[in-house]
Amino acid sequence: MKRTLFYLLTALSLVATAPVVYANPAAPIEVPNDHKKAEARAKVLLNRLDEINEMDKSKLTKAERKDLRKEVKEIRSELRSTSNGIYLSIGAIIIIILLLILLL
């Protein structure tokens, strides 16, 4: 049982690292240098969110409120996409925990 698990984990690690072995080392790594542009865009979007939050929405029509909600959703999704965080899915977290339990 332990031996088959060891072989299985070895095979999975080889399959997972195969694309790294065949990667092109001569290809230049593009580092985005437009951080200032991204920060400026984020400030503009945050200012727009503040403007929307400070608005008196009671005088708006139903269609205008719907457009504002759509705009807020778009701004939030754009701000999330520009963040540089590392995201792990639930499945990845479960696999990592299971591997840790099995190996330790």
N, C-alpha and C. Protein backbone atom coordinates (compact mmCIF):
# COMPACT_ATOMS: atom_id res chain seq x y z
N MET A 1 0.83 -1.19 0.00
CA MET A 1 0.00 0.00 0.00
C MET A 1 0.86 1.25 0.00
N LYS A 2 1.86 1.27 0.88
CA LYS A 2 2.71 2.44 0.96
C LYS A 2 3.54 2.60 -0.31
N ARG A 3 3.94 1.47 -0.88
CA ARG A 3 4.76 1.51 -2.08
C ARG A 3 3.96 2.04 -3.27
N THR A 4 2.71 1.63 -3.39
CA THR A 4 1.89 2.12 -4.50
C THR A 4 1.60 3.60 -4.33
N LEU A 5 1.40 4.03 -3.12
CA LEU A 5 1.18 5.45 -2.87
C LEU A 5 2.42 6.25 -3.23
N PHE A 6 3.57 5.73 -2.88
CA PHE A 6 4.83 6.39 -3.22
C PHE A 6 4.98 6.50 -4.74
N TYR A 7 4.70 5.41 -5.46
CA TYR A 7 4.81 5.42 -6.91
C TYR A 7 3.79 6.38 -7.54
N LEU A 8 2.62 6.41 -6.98
CA LEU A 8 1.59 7.31 -7.48
C LEU A 8 1.99 8.77 -7.30
N LEU A 9 2.48 9.12 -6.12
CA LEU A 9 2.90 10.49 -5.88
C LEU A 9 4.11 10.86 -6.73
N THR A 10 5.02 9.92 -6.96
CA THR A 10 6.17 10.18 -7.82
C THR A 10 5.71 10.44 -9.25
N ALA A 11 4.78 9.62 -9.74
CA ALA A 11 4.27 9.79 -11.09
C ALA A 11 3.56 11.13 -11.23
N LEU A 12 2.77 11.50 -10.25
CA LEU A 12 2.07 12.78 -10.30
C LEU A 12 3.04 13.95 -10.29
N SER A 13 4.09 13.86 -9.50
CA SER A 13 5.06 14.95 -9.46
C SER A 13 5.81 15.06 -10.78
N LEU A 14 6.10 13.93 -11.43
CA LEU A 14 6.76 13.97 -12.73
C LEU A 14 5.86 14.57 -13.80
N VAL A 15 4.60 14.23 -13.75
CA VAL A 15 3.66 14.79 -14.71
C VAL A 15 3.48 16.28 -14.48
N ALA A 16 3.47 16.70 -13.23
CA ALA A 16 3.27 18.11 -12.92
C ALA A 16 4.48 18.95 -13.30
N THR A 17 5.68 18.38 -13.25
CA THR A 17 6.88 19.16 -13.56
C THR A 17 7.31 19.02 -15.01
N ALA A 18 6.65 18.21 -15.80
CA ALA A 18 7.02 18.02 -17.21
C ALA A 18 6.97 19.32 -18.00
N PRO A 19 5.95 20.17 -17.87
CA PRO A 19 5.96 21.43 -18.63
C PRO A 19 7.12 22.34 -18.25
N VAL A 20 7.60 22.26 -17.03
CA VAL A 20 8.72 23.10 -16.61
C VAL A 20 10.00 22.65 -17.30
N VAL A 21 10.16 21.36 -17.48
CA VAL A 21 11.37 20.83 -18.12
C VAL A 21 11.44 21.27 -19.57
N TYR A 22 10.31 21.32 -20.25
CA TYR A 22 10.29 21.65 -21.66
C TYR A 22 10.07 23.14 -21.92
N ALA A 23 10.11 23.94 -20.92
CA ALA A 23 9.92 25.37 -21.10
C ALA A 23 11.12 25.96 -21.84
N ASN A 24 10.88 27.03 -22.55
CA ASN A 24 11.94 27.66 -23.33
C ASN A 24 12.71 28.63 -22.43
N PRO A 25 13.95 28.30 -22.06
CA PRO A 25 14.69 29.18 -21.16
C PRO A 25 15.18 30.46 -21.85
N ALA A 26 15.21 30.47 -23.18
CA ALA A 26 15.70 31.64 -23.90
C ALA A 26 14.62 32.72 -24.05
N ALA A 27 13.39 32.36 -23.78
CA ALA A 27 12.30 33.32 -23.92
C ALA A 27 12.40 34.36 -22.82
N PRO A 28 12.34 35.64 -23.17
CA PRO A 28 12.43 36.68 -22.15
C PRO A 28 11.19 36.71 -21.28
N ILE A 29 11.39 36.99 -20.04
CA ILE A 29 10.29 37.11 -19.09
C ILE A 29 9.82 38.55 -19.10
N GLU A 30 8.58 38.73 -19.42
CA GLU A 30 8.04 40.08 -19.49
C GLU A 30 7.58 40.52 -18.10
N VAL A 31 8.17 41.58 -17.62
CA VAL A 31 7.80 42.13 -16.33
C VAL A 31 7.02 43.42 -16.60
N PRO A 32 5.79 43.47 -16.16
CA PRO A 32 5.01 44.69 -16.42
C PRO A 32 5.59 45.87 -15.65
N ASN A 33 5.91 46.92 -16.38
CA ASN A 33 6.47 48.10 -15.73
C ASN A 33 5.46 49.25 -15.69
N ASP A 34 4.22 48.94 -15.90
CA ASP A 34 3.20 49.97 -15.87
C ASP A 34 2.46 49.97 -14.53
N HIS A 35 3.21 49.80 -13.45
CA HIS A 35 2.59 49.82 -12.12
C HIS A 35 1.98 51.18 -11.82
N LYS A 36 2.64 52.23 -12.29
CA LYS A 36 2.11 53.57 -12.03
C LYS A 36 0.78 53.77 -12.74
N LYS A 37 0.68 53.23 -13.96
CA LYS A 37 -0.58 53.34 -14.69
C LYS A 37 -1.68 52.56 -13.98
N ALA A 38 -1.34 51.37 -13.49
CA ALA A 38 -2.33 50.55 -12.79
C ALA A 38 -2.76 51.22 -11.49
N GLU A 39 -1.81 51.82 -10.78
CA GLU A 39 -2.16 52.51 -9.53
C GLU A 39 -3.04 53.72 -9.82
N ALA A 40 -2.72 54.45 -10.88
CA ALA A 40 -3.53 55.61 -11.24
C ALA A 40 -4.94 55.19 -11.63
N ARG A 41 -5.05 54.10 -12.38
CA ARG A 41 -6.36 53.60 -12.78
C ARG A 41 -7.15 53.14 -11.56
N ALA A 42 -6.47 52.49 -10.62
CA ALA A 42 -7.14 52.05 -9.40
C ALA A 42 -7.64 53.23 -8.59
N LYS A 43 -6.85 54.31 -8.53
CA LYS A 43 -7.30 55.51 -7.81
C LYS A 43 -8.53 56.11 -8.45
N VAL A 44 -8.54 56.15 -9.79
CA VAL A 44 -9.70 56.69 -10.50
C VAL A 44 -10.94 55.85 -10.21
N LEU A 45 -10.77 54.54 -10.23
CA LEU A 45 -11.91 53.66 -9.96
C LEU A 45 -12.40 53.79 -8.52
N LEU A 46 -11.47 53.89 -7.59
CA LEU A 46 -11.87 54.06 -6.18
C LEU A 46 -12.57 55.40 -5.97
N ASN A 47 -12.10 56.44 -6.64
CA ASN A 47 -12.77 57.75 -6.53
C ASN A 47 -14.19 57.66 -7.09
N ARG A 48 -14.36 56.94 -8.19
CA ARG A 48 -15.70 56.78 -8.76
C ARG A 48 -16.61 56.01 -7.81
N LEU A 49 -16.06 54.98 -7.16
CA LEU A 49 -16.86 54.25 -6.18
C LEU A 49 -17.28 55.15 -5.02
N ASP A 50 -16.36 56.00 -4.58
CA ASP A 50 -16.71 56.94 -3.51
C ASP A 50 -17.81 57.91 -3.95
N GLU A 51 -17.72 58.38 -5.19
CA GLU A 51 -18.75 59.28 -5.72
C GLU A 51 -20.11 58.59 -5.74
N ILE A 52 -20.12 57.35 -6.17
CA ILE A 52 -21.38 56.61 -6.25
C ILE A 52 -21.95 56.38 -4.85
N ASN A 53 -21.09 56.07 -3.89
CA ASN A 53 -21.56 55.85 -2.52
C ASN A 53 -22.11 57.12 -1.89
N GLU A 54 -21.57 58.27 -2.26
CA GLU A 54 -22.02 59.54 -1.67
C GLU A 54 -23.25 60.12 -2.37
N MET A 55 -23.67 59.50 -3.48
CA MET A 55 -24.82 60.00 -4.22
C MET A 55 -26.10 59.82 -3.42
N ASP A 56 -27.07 60.71 -3.69
CA ASP A 56 -28.41 60.54 -3.14
C ASP A 56 -29.20 59.70 -4.14
N LYS A 57 -29.33 58.45 -3.85
CA LYS A 57 -29.92 57.50 -4.79
C LYS A 57 -31.44 57.48 -4.73
N SER A 58 -32.01 58.19 -3.78
CA SER A 58 -33.47 58.17 -3.65
C SER A 58 -34.16 58.92 -4.79
N LYS A 59 -33.45 59.83 -5.42
CA LYS A 59 -34.06 60.62 -6.49
C LYS A 59 -33.84 59.99 -7.88
N LEU A 60 -33.13 58.89 -7.93
CA LEU A 60 -32.85 58.25 -9.20
C LEU A 60 -33.99 57.32 -9.60
N THR A 61 -34.11 57.12 -10.90
CA THR A 61 -35.12 56.18 -11.39
C THR A 61 -34.59 54.77 -11.23
N LYS A 62 -35.47 53.81 -11.47
CA LYS A 62 -35.09 52.41 -11.32
C LYS A 62 -34.00 52.03 -12.33
N ALA A 63 -34.09 52.53 -13.53
CA ALA A 63 -33.10 52.22 -14.57
C ALA A 63 -31.73 52.82 -14.22
N GLU A 64 -31.75 54.04 -13.67
CA GLU A 64 -30.48 54.67 -13.28
C GLU A 64 -29.81 53.92 -12.14
N ARG A 65 -30.61 53.47 -11.17
CA ARG A 65 -30.04 52.68 -10.07
C ARG A 65 -29.47 51.36 -10.58
N LYS A 66 -30.16 50.75 -11.54
CA LYS A 66 -29.67 49.51 -12.12
C LYS A 66 -28.35 49.74 -12.85
N ASP A 67 -28.24 50.85 -13.57
CA ASP A 67 -26.99 51.17 -14.25
C ASP A 67 -25.86 51.42 -13.26
N LEU A 68 -26.19 52.08 -12.13
CA LEU A 68 -25.17 52.31 -11.11
C LEU A 68 -24.69 51.00 -10.50
N ARG A 69 -25.63 50.09 -10.22
CA ARG A 69 -25.23 48.78 -9.67
C ARG A 69 -24.34 48.03 -10.65
N LYS A 70 -24.68 48.09 -11.93
CA LYS A 70 -23.88 47.42 -12.94
C LYS A 70 -22.48 48.04 -13.01
N GLU A 71 -22.42 49.37 -12.93
CA GLU A 71 -21.13 50.05 -12.96
C GLU A 71 -20.28 49.69 -11.74
N VAL A 72 -20.91 49.61 -10.57
CA VAL A 72 -20.18 49.24 -9.35
C VAL A 72 -19.64 47.83 -9.47
N LYS A 73 -20.44 46.90 -9.99
CA LYS A 73 -19.97 45.52 -10.17
C LYS A 73 -18.79 45.47 -11.13
N GLU A 74 -18.84 46.23 -12.21
CA GLU A 74 -17.75 46.24 -13.18
C GLU A 74 -16.48 46.82 -12.56
N ILE A 75 -16.63 47.88 -11.79
CA ILE A 75 -15.47 48.51 -11.15
C ILE A 75 -14.84 47.54 -10.15
N ARG A 76 -15.67 46.89 -9.35
CA ARG A 76 -15.13 45.95 -8.36
C ARG A 76 -14.44 44.77 -9.04
N SER A 77 -15.01 44.26 -10.11
CA SER A 77 -14.37 43.13 -10.81
C SER A 77 -13.05 43.58 -11.44
N GLU A 78 -13.01 44.79 -11.96
CA GLU A 78 -11.75 45.30 -12.53
C GLU A 78 -10.70 45.50 -11.45
N LEU A 79 -11.11 45.98 -10.29
CA LEU A 79 -10.16 46.16 -9.20
C LEU A 79 -9.64 44.80 -8.71
N ARG A 80 -10.51 43.80 -8.65
CA ARG A 80 -10.07 42.46 -8.24
C ARG A 80 -9.10 41.86 -9.24
N SER A 81 -9.35 42.09 -10.53
CA SER A 81 -8.48 41.48 -11.55
C SER A 81 -7.11 42.14 -11.58
N THR A 82 -6.99 43.36 -11.12
CA THR A 82 -5.69 44.02 -11.14
C THR A 82 -4.90 43.75 -9.87
N SER A 83 -5.51 43.13 -8.88
CA SER A 83 -4.77 42.84 -7.65
C SER A 83 -3.77 41.73 -7.92
N ASN A 84 -2.68 41.72 -7.17
CA ASN A 84 -1.61 40.75 -7.41
C ASN A 84 -1.61 39.66 -6.36
N GLY A 85 -2.75 39.23 -5.91
CA GLY A 85 -2.82 38.21 -4.88
C GLY A 85 -2.72 36.81 -5.47
N ILE A 86 -2.46 35.87 -4.63
CA ILE A 86 -2.42 34.47 -5.04
C ILE A 86 -3.71 33.83 -4.54
N TYR A 87 -4.43 33.22 -5.46
CA TYR A 87 -5.70 32.62 -5.12
C TYR A 87 -5.61 31.11 -5.25
N LEU A 88 -6.13 30.41 -4.28
CA LEU A 88 -6.19 28.96 -4.32
C LEU A 88 -7.65 28.53 -4.29
N SER A 89 -7.96 27.58 -5.13
CA SER A 89 -9.33 27.07 -5.14
C SER A 89 -9.52 26.12 -3.96
N ILE A 90 -10.75 25.82 -3.68
CA ILE A 90 -11.07 24.90 -2.59
C ILE A 90 -10.48 23.52 -2.88
N GLY A 91 -10.58 23.08 -4.13
CA GLY A 91 -10.03 21.78 -4.50
C GLY A 91 -8.53 21.71 -4.29
N ALA A 92 -7.82 22.79 -4.64
CA ALA A 92 -6.37 22.81 -4.45
C ALA A 92 -6.02 22.75 -2.96
N ILE A 93 -6.77 23.44 -2.15
CA ILE A 93 -6.51 23.44 -0.71
C ILE A 93 -6.75 22.04 -0.14
N ILE A 94 -7.82 21.38 -0.58
CA ILE A 94 -8.11 20.03 -0.10
C ILE A 94 -7.00 19.06 -0.51
N ILE A 95 -6.54 19.17 -1.75
CA ILE A 95 -5.45 18.30 -2.22
C ILE A 95 -4.18 18.53 -1.41
N ILE A 96 -3.85 19.78 -1.14
CA ILE A 96 -2.65 20.09 -0.36
C ILE A 96 -2.77 19.51 1.04
N ILE A 97 -3.92 19.66 1.66
CA ILE A 97 -4.12 19.13 3.01
C ILE A 97 -4.02 17.61 3.01
N LEU A 98 -4.64 16.96 2.02
CA LEU A 98 -4.55 15.51 1.94
C LEU A 98 -3.12 15.03 1.74
N LEU A 99 -2.37 15.70 0.91
CA LEU A 99 -0.98 15.33 0.70
C LEU A 99 -0.17 15.51 1.97
N LEU A 100 -0.43 16.59 2.68
CA LEU A 100 0.28 16.81 3.94
C LEU A 100 -0.06 15.73 4.97
N ILE A 101 -1.31 15.35 5.02
CA ILE A 101 -1.71 14.30 5.97
C ILE A 101 -1.06 12.98 5.59
N LEU A 102 -1.06 12.66 4.30
CA LEU A 102 -0.48 11.39 3.86
C LEU A 102 1.03 11.34 4.03
N LEU A 103 1.69 12.45 3.80
CA LEU A 103 3.15 12.46 3.88
C LEU A 103 3.65 12.60 5.31
N LEU A 104 2.87 13.20 6.15
CA LEU A 104 3.34 13.38 7.54
C LEU A 104 2.66 12.41 8.42
